[in-house]
PDB file of N, CA and C in Angstrom:
ATOM      1  N   MET A   1      -5.729 -10.204  -7.855  1.00  0.00           N
ATOM      2  CA  MET A   1      -5.170  -8.826  -6.928  1.00  0.00           C
ATOM      3  C   MET A   1      -4.331  -9.354  -5.607  1.00  0.00           C
ATOM      4  N   ALA A   2      -3.406  -8.409  -5.477  1.00  0.00           N
ATOM      5  CA  ALA A   2      -2.623  -8.554  -4.236  1.00  0.00           C
ATOM      6  C   ALA A   2      -3.299  -7.732  -3.179  1.00  0.00           C
ATOM      7  N   ILE A   3      -2.634  -7.781  -1.943  1.00  0.00           N
ATOM      8  CA  ILE A   3      -2.940  -7.153  -0.697  1.00  0.00           C
ATOM      9  C   ILE A   3      -1.709  -6.251  -0.376  1.00  0.00           C
ATOM     10  N   TYR A   4      -1.543  -4.720  -0.621  1.00  0.00           N
ATOM     11  CA  TYR A   4      -0.796  -3.823   0.119  1.00  0.00           C
ATOM     12  C   TYR A   4      -0.917  -3.209   1.195  1.00  0.00           C
ATOM     13  N   ILE A   5       0.045  -2.860   1.896  1.00  0.00           N
ATOM     14  CA  ILE A   5      -0.059  -2.121   3.382  1.00  0.00           C
ATOM     15  C   ILE A   5       0.637  -0.977   3.098  1.00  0.00           C
ATOM     16  N   THR A   6       0.211  -0.008   3.251  1.00  0.00           N
ATOM     17  CA  THR A   6       0.925   1.537   2.893  1.00  0.00           C
ATOM     18  C   THR A   6       0.768   2.402   4.085  1.00  0.00           C
ATOM     19  N   GLN A   7       2.085   2.591   4.567  1.00  0.00           N
ATOM     20  CA  GLN A   7       2.083   3.835   5.608  1.00  0.00           C
ATOM     21  C   GLN A   7       2.686   5.102   5.028  1.00  0.00           C
ATOM     22  N   GLY A   8       2.290   6.181   5.483  1.00  0.00           N
ATOM     23  CA  GLY A   8       2.796   7.504   5.303  1.00  0.00           C
ATOM     24  C   GLY A   8       2.414   8.676   6.212  1.00  0.00           C
ATOM     25  N   LYS A   9       3.198   9.782   5.719  1.00  0.00           N
ATOM     26  CA  LYS A   9       2.988  10.909   6.870  1.00  0.00           C
ATOM     27  C   LYS A   9       2.200  11.871   5.960  1.00  0.00           C
ATOM     28  N   TYR A  10       1.597  12.721   6.770  1.00  0.00           N
ATOM     29  CA  TYR A  10       1.159  13.802   6.163  1.00  0.00           C
ATOM     30  C   TYR A  10       1.841  14.935   6.481  1.00  0.00           C
ATOM     31  N   THR A  11       1.823  15.747   5.257  1.00  0.00           N
ATOM     32  CA  THR A  11       2.939  17.203   5.230  1.00  0.00           C
ATOM     33  C   THR A  11       2.299  18.292   6.325  1.00  0.00           C
ATOM     34  N   SER A  12       3.102  18.981   6.663  1.00  0.00           N
ATOM     35  CA  SER A  12       2.692  20.045   7.677  1.00  0.00           C
ATOM     36  C   SER A  12       1.382  21.006   7.020  1.00  0.00           C
ATOM     37  N   GLU A  13       1.403  21.023   5.915  1.00  0.00           N
ATOM     38  CA  GLU A  13       0.168  21.573   5.002  1.00  0.00           C
ATOM     39  C   GLU A  13      -1.213  20.779   5.325  1.00  0.00           C
ATOM     40  N   ALA A  14      -1.021  19.397   5.328  1.00  0.00           N
ATOM     41  CA  ALA A  14      -2.367  18.631   5.434  1.00  0.00           C
ATOM     42  C   ALA A  14      -2.569  18.655   7.097  1.00  0.00           C
ATOM     43  N   VAL A  15      -1.621  18.579   7.761  1.00  0.00           N
ATOM     44  CA  VAL A  15      -2.044  18.886   9.098  1.00  0.00           C
ATOM     45  C   VAL A  15      -2.820  20.027   9.607  1.00  0.00           C
ATOM     46  N   ARG A  16      -2.231  21.097   8.918  1.00  0.00           N
ATOM     47  CA  ARG A  16      -3.006  22.428   9.171  1.00  0.00           C
ATOM     48  C   ARG A  16      -4.317  22.395   8.403  1.00  0.00           C
ATOM     49  N   GLY A  17      -4.332  21.713   7.458  1.00  0.00           N
ATOM     50  CA  GLY A  17      -5.817  21.717   6.875  1.00  0.00           C
ATOM     51  C   GLY A  17      -6.807  20.652   7.596  1.00  0.00           C
ATOM     52  N   LEU A  18      -6.349  19.674   8.119  1.00  0.00           N
ATOM     53  CA  LEU A  18      -7.150  18.893   9.083  1.00  0.00           C
ATOM     54  C   LEU A  18      -7.732  19.120  10.279  1.00  0.00           C
ATOM     55  N   VAL A  19      -6.624  20.331  10.827  1.00  0.00           N
ATOM     56  CA  VAL A  19      -6.960  20.848  11.974  1.00  0.00           C
ATOM     57  C   VAL A  19      -7.897  22.022  11.745  1.00  0.00           C
ATOM     58  N   ALA A  20      -8.105  22.648  10.756  1.00  0.00           N
ATOM     59  CA  ALA A  20      -8.764  24.057  10.521  1.00  0.00           C
ATOM     60  C   ALA A  20     -10.069  23.202  10.094  1.00  0.00           C
ATOM     61  N   LYS A  21     -10.001  22.007   9.576  1.00  0.00           N
ATOM     62  CA  LYS A  21     -11.263  21.335   8.873  1.00  0.00           C
ATOM     63  C   LYS A  21     -11.218  20.068   9.069  1.00  0.00           C
ATOM     64  N   PRO A  22     -11.390  19.652  10.264  1.00  0.00           N
ATOM     65  CA  PRO A  22     -11.584  18.157  10.720  1.00  0.00           C
ATOM     66  C   PRO A  22     -12.311  17.101   9.764  1.00  0.00           C
ATOM     67  N   GLU A  23     -11.716  16.117   9.307  1.00  0.00           N
ATOM     68  CA  GLU A  23     -12.603  15.006   8.273  1.00  0.00           C
ATOM     69  C   GLU A  23     -11.563  13.858   8.499  1.00  0.00           C
ATOM     70  N   ASP A  24     -12.481  12.657   8.283  1.00  0.00           N
ATOM     71  CA  ASP A  24     -12.173  11.337   8.215  1.00  0.00           C
ATOM     72  C   ASP A  24     -11.840  11.007   6.748  1.00  0.00           C
ATOM     73  N   ARG A  25     -10.542  10.630   6.371  1.00  0.00           N
ATOM     74  CA  ARG A  25     -10.168  10.484   4.908  1.00  0.00           C
ATOM     75  C   ARG A  25     -10.534   9.398   4.247  1.00  0.00           C
ATOM     76  N   THR A  26     -11.035   8.577   5.110  1.00  0.00           N
ATOM     77  CA  THR A  26     -11.389   7.085   4.715  1.00  0.00           C
ATOM     78  C   THR A  26     -12.334   7.080   3.225  1.00  0.00           C
ATOM     79  N   GLU A  27     -12.937   7.720   3.186  1.00  0.00           N
ATOM     80  CA  GLU A  27     -13.895   7.748   2.054  1.00  0.00           C
ATOM     81  C   GLU A  27     -13.180   8.251   0.734  1.00  0.00           C
ATOM     82  N   GLU A  28     -12.385   9.357   0.780  1.00  0.00           N
ATOM     83  CA  GLU A  28     -11.590   9.820  -0.107  1.00  0.00           C
ATOM     84  C   GLU A  28     -10.675   8.864  -0.631  1.00  0.00           C
ATOM     85  N   LEU A  29     -10.223   8.019   0.308  1.00  0.00           N
ATOM     86  CA  LEU A  29      -9.244   6.893  -0.304  1.00  0.00           C
ATOM     87  C   LEU A  29      -9.939   5.732  -0.733  1.00  0.00           C
ATOM     88  N   ARG A  30     -10.958   5.478  -0.378  1.00  0.00           N
ATOM     89  CA  ARG A  30     -12.134   4.350  -0.970  1.00  0.00           C
ATOM     90  C   ARG A  30     -12.301   4.858  -2.247  1.00  0.00           C
ATOM     91  N   LYS A  31     -12.415   6.191  -2.511  1.00  0.00           N
ATOM     92  CA  LYS A  31     -12.645   6.471  -3.877  1.00  0.00           C
ATOM     93  C   LYS A  31     -11.721   6.513  -4.792  1.00  0.00           C
ATOM     94  N   LEU A  32     -10.102   6.983  -4.074  1.00  0.00           N
ATOM     95  CA  LEU A  32      -9.237   6.748  -5.218  1.00  0.00           C
ATOM     96  C   LEU A  32      -8.771   5.205  -5.431  1.00  0.00           C
ATOM     97  N   ALA A  33      -8.891   4.219  -4.675  1.00  0.00           N
ATOM     98  CA  ALA A  33      -8.610   2.835  -4.547  1.00  0.00           C
ATOM     99  C   ALA A  33      -9.543   2.503  -5.793  1.00  0.00           C
ATOM    100  N   GLU A  34     -10.956   2.855  -5.827  1.00  0.00           N
ATOM    101  CA  GLU A  34     -12.093   2.089  -6.472  1.00  0.00           C
ATOM    102  C   GLU A  34     -11.820   2.823  -8.123  1.00  0.00           C
ATOM    103  N   ALA A  35     -11.427   4.156  -7.907  1.00  0.00           N
ATOM    104  CA  ALA A  35     -11.136   4.756  -9.439  1.00  0.00           C
ATOM    105  C   ALA A  35      -9.977   4.178 -10.175  1.00  0.00           C
ATOM    106  N   ALA A  36      -8.596   3.497  -9.336  1.00  0.00           N
ATOM    107  CA  ALA A  36      -7.851   2.740  -9.766  1.00  0.00           C
ATOM    108  C   ALA A  36      -8.163   1.496 -10.222  1.00  0.00           C
ATOM    109  N   GLY A  37      -9.354   1.200  -9.970  1.00  0.00           N
ATOM    110  CA  GLY A  37      -9.262  -0.455 -10.136  1.00  0.00           C
ATOM    111  C   GLY A  37      -9.342  -1.362  -8.833  1.00  0.00           C
ATOM    112  N   GLY A  38      -9.105  -0.614  -7.799  1.00  0.00           N
ATOM    113  CA  GLY A  38      -8.644  -1.760  -6.662  1.00  0.00           C
ATOM    114  C   GLY A  38      -9.960  -1.396  -5.440  1.00  0.00           C
ATOM    115  N   LYS A  39      -9.492  -1.657  -4.342  1.00  0.00           N
ATOM    116  CA  LYS A  39     -10.537  -1.885  -3.227  1.00  0.00           C
ATOM    117  C   LYS A  39      -9.619  -1.513  -1.965  1.00  0.00           C
ATOM    118  N   LEU A  40     -10.128  -0.489  -1.185  1.00  0.00           N
ATOM    119  CA  LEU A  40      -9.732  -0.306   0.098  1.00  0.00           C
ATOM    120  C   LEU A  40     -10.334  -0.993   1.101  1.00  0.00           C
ATOM    121  N   LEU A  41      -9.425  -2.022   1.912  1.00  0.00           N
ATOM    122  CA  LEU A  41      -9.743  -2.974   2.837  1.00  0.00           C
ATOM    123  C   LEU A  41     -10.064  -2.364   4.172  1.00  0.00           C
ATOM    124  N   ALA A  42      -8.951  -1.319   4.694  1.00  0.00           N
ATOM    125  CA  ALA A  42      -8.781  -0.614   5.556  1.00  0.00           C
ATOM    126  C   ALA A  42      -8.143   0.759   5.821  1.00  0.00           C
ATOM    127  N   PHE A  43      -8.666   1.627   6.613  1.00  0.00           N
ATOM    128  CA  PHE A  43      -7.587   2.676   6.774  1.00  0.00           C
ATOM    129  C   PHE A  43      -7.553   2.880   8.409  1.00  0.00           C
ATOM    130  N   TYR A  44      -6.304   3.176   8.839  1.00  0.00           N
ATOM    131  CA  TYR A  44      -6.266   3.616  10.135  1.00  0.00           C
ATOM    132  C   TYR A  44      -5.258   4.982  10.291  1.00  0.00           C
ATOM    133  N   TYR A  45      -5.630   5.698  11.293  1.00  0.00           N
ATOM    134  CA  TYR A  45      -4.719   6.870  11.542  1.00  0.00           C
ATOM    135  C   TYR A  45      -3.573   6.358  12.716  1.00  0.00           C
ATOM    136  N   THR A  46      -2.365   6.469  12.429  1.00  0.00           N
ATOM    137  CA  THR A  46      -1.628   5.922  13.620  1.00  0.00           C
ATOM    138  C   THR A  46      -0.838   6.873  14.115  1.00  0.00           C
ATOM    139  N   LEU A  47      -0.241   6.530  15.310  1.00  0.00           N
ATOM    140  CA  LEU A  47       0.633   7.010  16.380  1.00  0.00           C
ATOM    141  C   LEU A  47       2.135   6.623  16.089  1.00  0.00           C
ATOM    142  N   GLY A  48       3.055   7.525  16.018  1.00  0.00           N
ATOM    143  CA  GLY A  48       4.373   6.937  15.869  1.00  0.00           C
ATOM    144  C   GLY A  48       5.114   7.502  14.775  1.00  0.00           C
ATOM    145  N   GLU A  49       5.826   6.790  13.988  1.00  0.00           N
ATOM    146  CA  GLU A  49       6.648   7.063  12.735  1.00  0.00           C
ATOM    147  C   GLU A  49       5.831   7.637  11.657  1.00  0.00           C
ATOM    148  N   TYR A  50       4.647   6.846  11.616  1.00  0.00           N
ATOM    149  CA  TYR A  50       3.825   7.255  10.289  1.00  0.00           C
ATOM    150  C   TYR A  50       2.634   7.768  10.984  1.00  0.00           C
ATOM    151  N   ASP A  51       1.821   8.476  10.176  1.00  0.00           N
ATOM    152  CA  ASP A  51       0.700   9.067  10.505  1.00  0.00           C
ATOM    153  C   ASP A  51      -0.902   8.156  10.063  1.00  0.00           C
ATOM    154  N   PHE A  52      -0.326   7.584   8.886  1.00  0.00           N
ATOM    155  CA  PHE A  52      -1.799   6.554   8.721  1.00  0.00           C
ATOM    156  C   PHE A  52      -1.146   5.347   7.970  1.00  0.00           C
ATOM    157  N   LEU A  53      -2.228   4.397   8.111  1.00  0.00           N
ATOM    158  CA  LEU A  53      -2.257   2.973   7.265  1.00  0.00           C
ATOM    159  C   LEU A  53      -3.100   2.563   6.523  1.00  0.00           C
ATOM    160  N   SER A  54      -2.835   2.047   5.275  1.00  0.00           N
ATOM    161  CA  SER A  54      -3.975   1.825   4.500  1.00  0.00           C
ATOM    162  C   SER A  54      -3.896   0.171   3.995  1.00  0.00           C
ATOM    163  N   ILE A  55      -4.823  -0.451   4.006  1.00  0.00           N
ATOM    164  CA  ILE A  55      -4.660  -1.760   3.406  1.00  0.00           C
ATOM    165  C   ILE A  55      -5.526  -1.949   2.221  1.00  0.00           C
ATOM    166  N   THR A  56      -5.005  -2.214   0.975  1.00  0.00           N
ATOM    167  CA  THR A  56      -5.597  -2.106  -0.263  1.00  0.00           C
ATOM    168  C   THR A  56      -5.424  -3.310  -0.913  1.00  0.00           C
ATOM    169  N   GLU A  57      -6.553  -3.675  -2.160  1.00  0.00           N
ATOM    170  CA  GLU A  57      -6.241  -5.007  -2.862  1.00  0.00           C
ATOM    171  C   GLU A  57      -6.372  -4.398  -3.864  1.00  0.00           C
ATOM    172  N   HIS A  58      -5.250  -4.780  -4.833  1.00  0.00           N
ATOM    173  CA  HIS A  58      -5.188  -4.300  -6.430  1.00  0.00           C
ATOM    174  C   HIS A  58      -4.165  -4.802  -7.084  1.00  0.00           C
ATOM    175  N   ASP A  59      -4.000  -4.476  -8.248  1.00  0.00           N
ATOM    176  CA  ASP A  59      -2.814  -5.165  -9.036  1.00  0.00           C
ATOM    177  C   ASP A  59      -1.772  -3.792  -9.144  1.00  0.00           C
ATOM    178  N   ASP A  60      -0.455  -4.141  -9.514  1.00  0.00           N
ATOM    179  CA  ASP A  60       0.415  -3.374  -9.172  1.00  0.00           C
ATOM    180  C   ASP A  60       0.393  -1.911  -9.891  1.00  0.00           C
ATOM    181  N   GLN A  61      -0.129  -2.013 -11.039  1.00  0.00           N
ATOM    182  CA  GLN A  61      -0.369  -0.758 -11.721  1.00  0.00           C
ATOM    183  C   GLN A  61      -1.375   0.021 -11.324  1.00  0.00           C
ATOM    184  N   ALA A  62      -2.530  -0.416 -10.698  1.00  0.00           N
ATOM    185  CA  ALA A  62      -3.604   0.377  -9.864  1.00  0.00           C
ATOM    186  C   ALA A  62      -3.018   0.930  -8.710  1.00  0.00           C
ATOM    187  N   GLY A  63      -1.874   0.118  -8.050  1.00  0.00           N
ATOM    188  CA  GLY A  63      -1.560   0.560  -6.806  1.00  0.00           C
ATOM    189  C   GLY A  63      -0.588   1.563  -6.877  1.00  0.00           C
ATOM    190  N   LEU A  64       0.169   1.588  -7.997  1.00  0.00           N
ATOM    191  CA  LEU A  64       1.100   2.438  -8.170  1.00  0.00           C
ATOM    192  C   LEU A  64       0.632   3.881  -8.649  1.00  0.00           C
ATOM    193  N   ALA A  65      -0.432   3.831  -9.286  1.00  0.00           N
ATOM    194  CA  ALA A  65      -1.294   4.801  -9.841  1.00  0.00           C
ATOM    195  C   ALA A  65      -1.865   5.494  -8.722  1.00  0.00           C
ATOM    196  N   SER A  66      -2.432   5.077  -7.595  1.00  0.00           N
ATOM    197  CA  SER A  66      -2.957   5.533  -6.673  1.00  0.00           C
ATOM    198  C   SER A  66      -2.144   6.093  -5.686  1.00  0.00           C
ATOM    199  N   LEU A  67      -0.745   5.477  -5.639  1.00  0.00           N
ATOM    200  CA  LEU A  67       0.261   5.916  -4.710  1.00  0.00           C
ATOM    201  C   LEU A  67       0.531   7.282  -5.210  1.00  0.00           C
ATOM    202  N   LEU A  68       1.101   7.239  -6.701  1.00  0.00           N
ATOM    203  CA  LEU A  68       1.454   8.567  -7.514  1.00  0.00           C
ATOM    204  C   LEU A  68       0.759   9.726  -7.408  1.00  0.00           C
ATOM    205  N   ALA A  69      -0.736   9.216  -7.337  1.00  0.00           N
ATOM    206  CA  ALA A  69      -1.840  10.575  -7.524  1.00  0.00           C
ATOM    207  C   ALA A  69      -1.780  11.025  -6.045  1.00  0.00           C
ATOM    208  N   ALA A  70      -1.783  10.276  -5.159  1.00  0.00           N
ATOM    209  CA  ALA A  70      -1.780  10.812  -3.590  1.00  0.00           C
ATOM    210  C   ALA A  70      -0.404  11.815  -3.319  1.00  0.00           C
ATOM    211  N   ALA A  71       0.757  11.222  -3.891  1.00  0.00           N
ATOM    212  CA  ALA A  71       1.916  12.144  -3.773  1.00  0.00           C
ATOM    213  C   ALA A  71       1.911  13.081  -4.250  1.00  0.00           C
ATOM    214  N   ALA A  72       1.102  13.207  -5.453  1.00  0.00           N
ATOM    215  CA  ALA A  72       1.239  14.322  -6.215  1.00  0.00           C
ATOM    216  C   ALA A  72       0.485  15.252  -5.608  1.00  0.00           C
ATOM    217  N   SER A  73      -0.426  15.081  -4.816  1.00  0.00           N
ATOM    218  CA  SER A  73      -1.272  16.189  -4.134  1.00  0.00           C
ATOM    219  C   SER A  73      -0.281  16.986  -3.190  1.00  0.00           C
ATOM    220  N   GLY A  74       0.622  16.670  -2.993  1.00  0.00           N
ATOM    221  CA  GLY A  74       1.551  17.200  -2.278  1.00  0.00           C
ATOM    222  C   GLY A  74       1.381  17.415  -0.651  1.00  0.00           C
ATOM    223  N   THR A  75       0.397  16.642  -0.056  1.00  0.00           N
ATOM    224  CA  THR A  75       0.075  16.606   1.213  1.00  0.00           C
ATOM    225  C   THR A  75       0.310  15.227   1.961  1.00  0.00           C
ATOM    226  N   VAL A  76       0.838  14.517   1.271  1.00  0.00           N
ATOM    227  CA  VAL A  76       1.293  12.918   1.876  1.00  0.00           C
ATOM    228  C   VAL A  76       2.949  13.034   1.498  1.00  0.00           C
ATOM    229  N   SER A  77       3.863  12.328   2.415  1.00  0.00           N
ATOM    230  CA  SER A  77       5.151  11.880   2.202  1.00  0.00           C
ATOM    231  C   SER A  77       5.463  10.529   2.884  1.00  0.00           C
ATOM    232  N   ASP A  78       6.551  10.220   2.617  1.00  0.00           N
ATOM    233  CA  ASP A  78       7.180   9.129   3.091  1.00  0.00           C
ATOM    234  C   ASP A  78       6.390   7.742   2.884  1.00  0.00           C
ATOM    235  N   LEU A  79       5.970   7.499   2.103  1.00  0.00           N
ATOM    236  CA  LEU A  79       4.758   6.525   1.438  1.00  0.00           C
ATOM    237  C   LEU A  79       5.816   5.218   1.744  1.00  0.00           C
ATOM    238  N   LYS A  80       5.422   4.259   2.468  1.00  0.00           N
ATOM    239  CA  LYS A  80       5.802   3.008   2.512  1.00  0.00           C
ATOM    240  C   LYS A  80       5.074   1.756   1.852  1.00  0.00           C
ATOM    241  N   THR A  81       5.455   1.056   1.135  1.00  0.00           N
ATOM    242  CA  THR A  81       4.334  -0.008   0.936  1.00  0.00           C
ATOM    243  C   THR A  81       5.000  -1.642   1.012  1.00  0.00           C
ATOM    244  N   THR A  82       4.166  -2.038   1.531  1.00  0.00           N
ATOM    245  CA  THR A  82       4.725  -3.547   1.898  1.00  0.00           C
ATOM    246  C   THR A  82       3.463  -4.474   1.062  1.00  0.00           C
ATOM    247  N   THR A  83       3.821  -5.454   0.118  1.00  0.00           N
ATOM    248  CA  THR A  83       2.883  -6.663  -0.158  1.00  0.00           C
ATOM    249  C   THR A  83       2.553  -7.694   0.867  1.00  0.00           C
ATOM    250  N   ALA A  84       1.228  -7.973   0.929  1.00  0.00           N
ATOM    251  CA  ALA A  84       0.809  -8.843   2.318  1.00  0.00           C
ATOM    252  C   ALA A  84       0.583 -10.137   1.252  1.00  0.00           C
ATOM    253  N   VAL A  85       0.703 -11.225   1.896  1.00  0.00           N
ATOM    254  CA  VAL A  85       0.534 -12.694   1.214  1.00  0.00           C
ATOM    255  C   VAL A  85      -0.124 -13.296   2.250  1.00  0.00           C
ATOM    256  N   SER A  86      -1.057 -14.128   1.879  1.00  0.00           N
ATOM    257  CA  SER A  86      -1.948 -15.138   3.050  1.00  0.00           C
ATOM    258  C   SER A  86      -0.901 -16.384   2.944  1.00  0.00           C
ATOM    259  N   GLY A  87      -1.432 -16.969   4.025  1.00  0.00           N
ATOM    260  CA  GLY A  87      -0.784 -18.628   4.219  1.00  0.00           C
ATOM    261  C   GLY A  87      -0.872 -19.335   3.131  1.00  0.00           C
ATOM    262  N   PRO A  88      -2.115 -19.597   2.477  1.00  0.00           N
ATOM    263  CA  PRO A  88      -2.301 -20.427   1.305  1.00  0.00           C
ATOM    264  C   PRO A  88      -1.590 -19.881   0.030  1.00  0.00           C
ATOM    265  N   GLU A  89      -1.577 -18.525  -0.156  1.00  0.00           N
ATOM    266  CA  GLU A  89      -1.077 -18.058  -1.070  1.00  0.00           C
ATOM    267  C   GLU A  89       0.777 -18.237  -1.230  1.00  0.00           C
ATOM    268  N   MET A  90       1.077 -18.251   0.211  1.00  0.00           N
ATOM    269  CA  MET A  90       2.586 -18.487   0.368  1.00  0.00           C
ATOM    270  C   MET A  90       2.987 -19.665   0.013  1.00  0.00           C
ATOM    271  N   VAL A  91       2.298 -20.840   0.558  1.00  0.00           N
ATOM    272  CA  VAL A  91       2.486 -22.079   0.156  1.00  0.00           C
ATOM    273  C   VAL A  91       2.386 -22.566  -1.313  1.00  0.00           C
ATOM    274  N   LYS A  92       1.824 -21.569  -2.267  1.00  0.00           N
ATOM    275  CA  LYS A  92       1.812 -21.668  -3.630  1.00  0.00           C
ATOM    276  C   LYS A  92       3.282 -21.151  -3.911  1.00  0.00           C
ATOM    277  N   ILE A  93       3.848 -20.037  -3.640  1.00  0.00           N
ATOM    278  CA  ILE A  93       4.678 -19.198  -3.750  1.00  0.00           C
ATOM    279  C   ILE A  93       5.805 -20.195  -3.514  1.00  0.00           C
ATOM    280  N   LEU A  94       5.966 -20.809  -2.249  1.00  0.00           N
ATOM    281  CA  LEU A  94       7.199 -21.730  -1.820  1.00  0.00           C
ATOM    282  C   LEU A  94       6.986 -22.774  -2.863  1.00  0.00           C
ATOM    283  N   THR A  95       6.211 -23.417  -3.112  1.00  0.00           N
ATOM    284  CA  THR A  95       6.152 -24.623  -4.036  1.00  0.00           C
ATOM    285  C   THR A  95       6.829 -24.073  -5.317  1.00  0.00           C
ATOM    286  N   LYS A  96       6.255 -23.172  -5.881  1.00  0.00           N
ATOM    287  CA  LYS A  96       7.038 -22.442  -7.158  1.00  0.00           C
ATOM    288  C   LYS A  96       8.347 -22.287  -6.855  1.00  0.00           C
ATOM    289  N   ALA A  97       8.751 -21.790  -5.756  1.00  0.00           N
ATOM    290  CA  ALA A  97      10.225 -21.381  -5.587  1.00  0.00           C
ATOM    291  C   ALA A  97      11.026 -22.751  -5.764  1.00  0.00           C
ATOM    292  N   GLY A  98      10.684 -23.660  -4.731  1.00  0.00           N
ATOM    293  CA  GLY A  98      11.237 -25.034  -4.656  1.00  0.00           C
ATOM    294  C   GLY A  98      11.424 -25.699  -6.224  1.00  0.00           C
ATOM    295  N   ALA A  99      10.467 -25.322  -7.044  1.00  0.00           N
ATOM    296  CA  ALA A  99      10.636 -25.883  -8.289  1.00  0.00           C
ATOM    297  C   ALA A  99      11.591 -25.044  -9.279  1.00  0.00           C
ATOM    298  N   LEU A 100      11.791 -23.782  -8.858  1.00  0.00           N
ATOM    299  CA  LEU A 100      12.736 -23.058  -9.662  1.00  0.00           C
ATOM    300  C   LEU A 100      14.055 -23.149  -9.003  1.00  0.00           C
ATOM    301  N   ALA A 101      13.873 -23.433  -7.751  1.00  0.00           N
ATOM    302  CA  ALA A 101      15.466 -23.635  -6.908  1.00  0.00           C
ATOM    303  C   ALA A 101      16.167 -24.956  -7.843  1.00  0.00           C
ATOM    304  N   LYS A 102      15.264 -25.882  -8.128  1.00  0.00           N
ATOM    305  CA  LYS A 102      15.983 -26.882  -8.731  1.00  0.00           C
ATOM    306  C   LYS A 102      16.478 -27.030 -10.053  1.00  0.00           C
ATOM    307  N   LYS A 103      15.984 -25.747 -10.675  1.00  0.00           N
ATOM    308  CA  LYS A 103      16.853 -25.476 -12.020  1.00  0.00           C
ATOM    309  C   LYS A 103      17.708 -24.360 -12.111  1.00  0.00           C
ATOM    310  N   PHE A 104      17.921 -23.601 -10.942  1.00  0.00           N
ATOM    311  CA  PHE A 104      19.069 -22.843 -10.866  1.00  0.00           C
ATOM    312  C   PHE A 104      20.337 -23.245 -10.178  1.00  0.00           C
ATOM    313  N   ARG A 105      21.302 -22.651 -10.991  1.00  0.00           N
ATOM    314  CA  ARG A 105      22.856 -22.965 -10.889  1.00  0.00           C
ATOM    315  C   ARG A 105      23.282 -22.092  -9.775  1.00  0.00           C
ATOM    316  N   PRO A 106      23.611 -22.284  -8.548  1.00  0.00           N
ATOM    317  CA  PRO A 106      24.252 -21.255  -7.719  1.00  0.00           C
ATOM    318  C   PRO A 106      25.458 -20.635  -8.242  1.00  0.00           C
ATOM    319  N   ALA A 107      25.902 -19.337  -7.889  1.00  0.00           N
ATOM    320  CA  ALA A 107      27.316 -18.758  -8.509  1.00  0.00           C
ATOM    321  C   ALA A 107      28.209 -19.861  -7.746  1.00  0.00           C
ATOM    322  N   GLY A 108      29.350 -19.968  -9.035  1.00  0.00           N
ATOM    323  CA  GLY A 108      30.406 -20.655  -8.414  1.00  0.00           C
ATOM    324  C   GLY A 108      30.091 -22.546  -8.342  1.00  0.00           C
ATOM    325  N   LYS A 109      29.108 -22.610  -8.798  1.00  0.00           N
ATOM    326  CA  LYS A 109      29.129 -23.991  -9.152  1.00  0.00           C
ATOM    327  C   LYS A 109      28.632 -24.712 -10.316  1.00  0.00           C
TER     328      LYS A 109
END
């Protein structure tokens, strides 16, 4: 499974709801990730361009399903997801890339 970092914004509807009924959304996100077959590793509220950041572990299909379910609620927007790779995993990827590079013919050569 891969690690994904997702940033997003709350809609004005969501902010109104959170102000009227304050709550920590961490447990709901944990339930969503687990229902999709993944795991919530961390969730933070952030200041600046985005309102929140989550770090999850899951396969691509589970991650996409979770994001679509959250987006379908109409209370989050501008979701931006980045794949995160550990140092040891990156060494494996670079090794594979090196082997593939030897088999790849560049354009014009």
